[in-house]
Amino acid sequence: MRPLLVAAVFVGLSVPALAADVPPQGARPLSEITTSIEARDDFVSFVSIEYKDDVYKIRYRTRGGDERNIVVDPLSGTEKKKD
């Protein structure tokens, strides 16, 4: 019985951490954001898409074989300028 209780506590503590990395209420659908990137002249394929630090971090491959990294605001769907 004790191992089950310990496992339940660990699962319960990890759920809030997992839920924290989701886009905010009112965010644009990811499909809308990816469609706008797919429309770029140089787009070939997505390499990775990650929601982290309150932004989408998107990496895609270009026709020239390069990879581009962009950061997109989830609420507006616009690319953020790099600092």
N, C-alpha and C. Protein backbone atom coordinates (compact mmCIF):
# COMPACT_ATOMS: atom_id res chain seq x y z
N MET A 1 0.83 -1.20 0.00
CA MET A 1 0.00 0.00 0.00
C MET A 1 0.87 1.26 0.00
N ARG A 2 1.97 1.24 0.71
CA ARG A 2 2.83 2.41 0.82
C ARG A 2 3.43 2.82 -0.54
N PRO A 3 3.95 1.89 -1.38
CA PRO A 3 4.48 2.30 -2.69
C PRO A 3 3.42 2.98 -3.56
N LEU A 4 2.19 2.51 -3.46
CA LEU A 4 1.11 3.11 -4.24
C LEU A 4 0.86 4.55 -3.79
N LEU A 5 0.92 4.79 -2.50
CA LEU A 5 0.72 6.13 -1.96
C LEU A 5 1.84 7.06 -2.41
N VAL A 6 3.07 6.58 -2.37
CA VAL A 6 4.21 7.39 -2.81
C VAL A 6 4.08 7.73 -4.28
N ALA A 7 3.69 6.75 -5.09
CA ALA A 7 3.51 6.99 -6.53
C ALA A 7 2.41 8.02 -6.77
N ALA A 8 1.33 7.94 -6.03
CA ALA A 8 0.22 8.88 -6.20
C ALA A 8 0.65 10.30 -5.84
N VAL A 9 1.47 10.44 -4.81
CA VAL A 9 1.95 11.76 -4.42
C VAL A 9 2.84 12.35 -5.51
N PHE A 10 3.75 11.55 -6.07
CA PHE A 10 4.62 12.04 -7.14
C PHE A 10 3.82 12.46 -8.36
N VAL A 11 2.84 11.67 -8.74
CA VAL A 11 2.00 12.01 -9.89
C VAL A 11 1.23 13.29 -9.60
N GLY A 12 0.68 13.41 -8.43
CA GLY A 12 -0.07 14.61 -8.06
C GLY A 12 0.77 15.86 -8.06
N LEU A 13 2.02 15.75 -7.66
CA LEU A 13 2.91 16.91 -7.65
C LEU A 13 3.40 17.29 -9.05
N SER A 14 3.46 16.34 -9.95
CA SER A 14 3.98 16.63 -11.28
C SER A 14 2.93 17.20 -12.22
N VAL A 15 1.67 16.98 -11.96
CA VAL A 15 0.61 17.47 -12.85
C VAL A 15 0.61 18.99 -12.98
N PRO A 16 0.72 19.77 -11.91
CA PRO A 16 0.75 21.23 -12.09
C PRO A 16 1.94 21.69 -12.93
N ALA A 17 3.06 21.03 -12.84
CA ALA A 17 4.22 21.42 -13.64
C ALA A 17 3.95 21.18 -15.11
N LEU A 18 3.27 20.11 -15.44
CA LEU A 18 2.96 19.82 -16.83
C LEU A 18 1.93 20.81 -17.37
N ALA A 19 0.98 21.18 -16.58
CA ALA A 19 -0.08 22.08 -17.01
C ALA A 19 0.41 23.51 -17.20
N ALA A 20 1.54 23.87 -16.61
CA ALA A 20 2.05 25.23 -16.69
C ALA A 20 2.59 25.57 -18.07
N ASP A 21 3.00 24.57 -18.85
CA ASP A 21 3.57 24.82 -20.17
C ASP A 21 2.53 24.66 -21.28
N VAL A 22 1.44 25.35 -21.15
CA VAL A 22 0.41 25.37 -22.19
C VAL A 22 0.15 26.82 -22.56
N PRO A 23 -0.23 27.06 -23.81
CA PRO A 23 -0.51 28.44 -24.23
C PRO A 23 -1.62 29.06 -23.38
N PRO A 24 -1.61 30.37 -23.25
CA PRO A 24 -2.61 31.04 -22.42
C PRO A 24 -4.00 31.01 -23.06
N GLN A 25 -4.98 31.28 -22.24
CA GLN A 25 -6.36 31.39 -22.72
C GLN A 25 -6.41 32.47 -23.80
N GLY A 26 -7.05 32.20 -24.90
CA GLY A 26 -7.17 33.18 -25.98
C GLY A 26 -6.05 33.11 -27.01
N ALA A 27 -5.15 32.14 -26.86
CA ALA A 27 -4.06 32.00 -27.83
C ALA A 27 -4.60 31.57 -29.19
N ARG A 28 -3.92 31.99 -30.22
CA ARG A 28 -4.31 31.57 -31.58
C ARG A 28 -4.07 30.07 -31.71
N PRO A 29 -4.89 29.39 -32.50
CA PRO A 29 -4.66 27.95 -32.71
C PRO A 29 -3.30 27.72 -33.37
N LEU A 30 -2.62 26.68 -32.94
CA LEU A 30 -1.32 26.37 -33.51
C LEU A 30 -1.43 26.11 -35.01
N SER A 31 -2.54 25.54 -35.44
CA SER A 31 -2.73 25.28 -36.88
C SER A 31 -2.73 26.58 -37.68
N GLU A 32 -3.26 27.65 -37.12
CA GLU A 32 -3.27 28.95 -37.78
C GLU A 32 -1.85 29.51 -37.89
N ILE A 33 -1.08 29.34 -36.84
CA ILE A 33 0.30 29.83 -36.83
C ILE A 33 1.14 29.05 -37.82
N THR A 34 1.01 27.73 -37.82
CA THR A 34 1.81 26.92 -38.74
C THR A 34 1.42 27.15 -40.19
N THR A 35 0.15 27.41 -40.46
CA THR A 35 -0.29 27.69 -41.83
C THR A 35 0.39 28.95 -42.36
N SER A 36 0.53 29.97 -41.52
CA SER A 36 1.18 31.20 -41.98
C SER A 36 2.67 30.98 -42.25
N ILE A 37 3.30 30.09 -41.50
CA ILE A 37 4.71 29.78 -41.75
C ILE A 37 4.87 28.94 -43.01
N GLU A 38 3.96 28.00 -43.21
CA GLU A 38 4.00 27.16 -44.41
C GLU A 38 3.83 27.98 -45.68
N ALA A 39 3.21 29.14 -45.59
CA ALA A 39 2.99 30.00 -46.75
C ALA A 39 4.24 30.78 -47.16
N ARG A 40 5.28 30.74 -46.37
CA ARG A 40 6.51 31.46 -46.71
C ARG A 40 7.15 30.84 -47.95
N ASP A 41 7.77 31.69 -48.77
CA ASP A 41 8.39 31.22 -50.01
C ASP A 41 9.50 30.21 -49.78
N ASP A 42 10.23 30.35 -48.67
CA ASP A 42 11.38 29.48 -48.44
C ASP A 42 11.07 28.23 -47.63
N PHE A 43 9.82 28.05 -47.20
CA PHE A 43 9.44 26.94 -46.32
C PHE A 43 9.48 25.59 -47.04
N VAL A 44 10.05 24.58 -46.36
CA VAL A 44 10.01 23.20 -46.86
C VAL A 44 9.33 22.29 -45.83
N SER A 45 9.83 22.30 -44.57
CA SER A 45 9.24 21.43 -43.55
C SER A 45 9.58 21.94 -42.16
N PHE A 46 8.75 21.51 -41.20
CA PHE A 46 9.01 21.85 -39.81
C PHE A 46 10.02 20.87 -39.24
N VAL A 47 10.93 21.38 -38.44
CA VAL A 47 11.90 20.55 -37.73
C VAL A 47 11.41 20.34 -36.30
N SER A 48 10.97 21.42 -35.65
CA SER A 48 10.43 21.31 -34.29
C SER A 48 9.53 22.49 -33.97
N ILE A 49 8.57 22.23 -33.10
CA ILE A 49 7.67 23.27 -32.59
C ILE A 49 7.55 23.01 -31.10
N GLU A 50 7.83 24.04 -30.31
CA GLU A 50 7.82 23.88 -28.85
C GLU A 50 7.20 25.13 -28.22
N TYR A 51 6.36 24.92 -27.22
CA TYR A 51 5.84 26.04 -26.45
C TYR A 51 6.63 26.09 -25.16
N LYS A 52 7.39 27.18 -24.98
CA LYS A 52 8.25 27.30 -23.81
C LYS A 52 8.50 28.77 -23.54
N ASP A 53 8.57 29.14 -22.27
CA ASP A 53 8.84 30.53 -21.88
C ASP A 53 7.82 31.49 -22.47
N ASP A 54 6.56 31.06 -22.53
CA ASP A 54 5.43 31.88 -22.99
C ASP A 54 5.47 32.24 -24.47
N VAL A 55 6.21 31.50 -25.28
CA VAL A 55 6.24 31.71 -26.73
C VAL A 55 6.35 30.36 -27.43
N TYR A 56 5.97 30.34 -28.72
CA TYR A 56 6.24 29.18 -29.56
C TYR A 56 7.63 29.35 -30.14
N LYS A 57 8.46 28.33 -29.99
CA LYS A 57 9.79 28.31 -30.59
C LYS A 57 9.71 27.32 -31.75
N ILE A 58 9.84 27.85 -32.95
CA ILE A 58 9.62 27.05 -34.15
C ILE A 58 10.89 27.01 -34.99
N ARG A 59 11.24 25.83 -35.40
CA ARG A 59 12.40 25.64 -36.29
C ARG A 59 11.88 24.99 -37.56
N TYR A 60 12.24 25.58 -38.71
CA TYR A 60 11.82 24.98 -39.97
C TYR A 60 12.98 24.96 -40.97
N ARG A 61 12.84 24.08 -41.95
CA ARG A 61 13.86 23.91 -42.98
C ARG A 61 13.46 24.72 -44.21
N THR A 62 14.48 25.33 -44.85
CA THR A 62 14.23 26.16 -46.04
C THR A 62 14.60 25.39 -47.31
N ARG A 63 14.21 25.96 -48.44
CA ARG A 63 14.53 25.35 -49.74
C ARG A 63 16.03 25.23 -49.96
N GLY A 64 16.79 26.14 -49.40
CA GLY A 64 18.24 26.12 -49.52
C GLY A 64 18.91 25.12 -48.60
N GLY A 65 18.13 24.43 -47.77
CA GLY A 65 18.67 23.44 -46.86
C GLY A 65 19.04 23.98 -45.49
N ASP A 66 18.87 25.28 -45.29
CA ASP A 66 19.15 25.88 -43.98
C ASP A 66 17.99 25.61 -43.02
N GLU A 67 18.26 25.85 -41.75
CA GLU A 67 17.20 25.79 -40.75
C GLU A 67 17.05 27.18 -40.15
N ARG A 68 15.81 27.61 -40.02
CA ARG A 68 15.51 28.92 -39.43
C ARG A 68 14.80 28.72 -38.11
N ASN A 69 15.14 29.55 -37.15
CA ASN A 69 14.49 29.56 -35.84
C ASN A 69 13.69 30.84 -35.73
N ILE A 70 12.43 30.71 -35.37
CA ILE A 70 11.61 31.88 -35.14
C ILE A 70 10.88 31.72 -33.81
N VAL A 71 10.51 32.84 -33.22
CA VAL A 71 9.77 32.88 -31.97
C VAL A 71 8.46 33.59 -32.26
N VAL A 72 7.35 32.95 -31.90
CA VAL A 72 6.03 33.48 -32.23
C VAL A 72 5.22 33.70 -30.96
N ASP A 73 4.62 34.88 -30.86
CA ASP A 73 3.73 35.20 -29.75
C ASP A 73 2.45 34.38 -29.90
N PRO A 74 2.03 33.62 -28.89
CA PRO A 74 0.84 32.78 -29.03
C PRO A 74 -0.47 33.56 -29.11
N LEU A 75 -0.51 34.76 -28.55
CA LEU A 75 -1.76 35.53 -28.55
C LEU A 75 -1.98 36.25 -29.89
N SER A 76 -0.95 36.88 -30.41
CA SER A 76 -1.10 37.63 -31.66
C SER A 76 -0.78 36.78 -32.89
N GLY A 77 0.03 35.75 -32.71
CA GLY A 77 0.45 34.92 -33.85
C GLY A 77 1.55 35.54 -34.67
N THR A 78 2.11 36.64 -34.17
CA THR A 78 3.17 37.32 -34.92
C THR A 78 4.56 36.92 -34.42
N GLU A 79 5.51 37.02 -35.33
CA GLU A 79 6.89 36.70 -34.99
C GLU A 79 7.43 37.79 -34.08
N LYS A 80 8.10 37.36 -33.02
CA LYS A 80 8.71 38.32 -32.10
C LYS A 80 10.11 38.65 -32.58
N LYS A 81 10.48 39.87 -32.38
CA LYS A 81 11.84 40.29 -32.74
C LYS A 81 12.83 39.72 -31.74
N LYS A 82 14.00 39.34 -32.24
CA LYS A 82 15.05 38.86 -31.35
C LYS A 82 15.74 40.04 -30.71
N ASP A 83 16.09 39.88 -29.44
CA ASP A 83 16.77 40.96 -28.72
C ASP A 83 18.22 41.05 -29.13
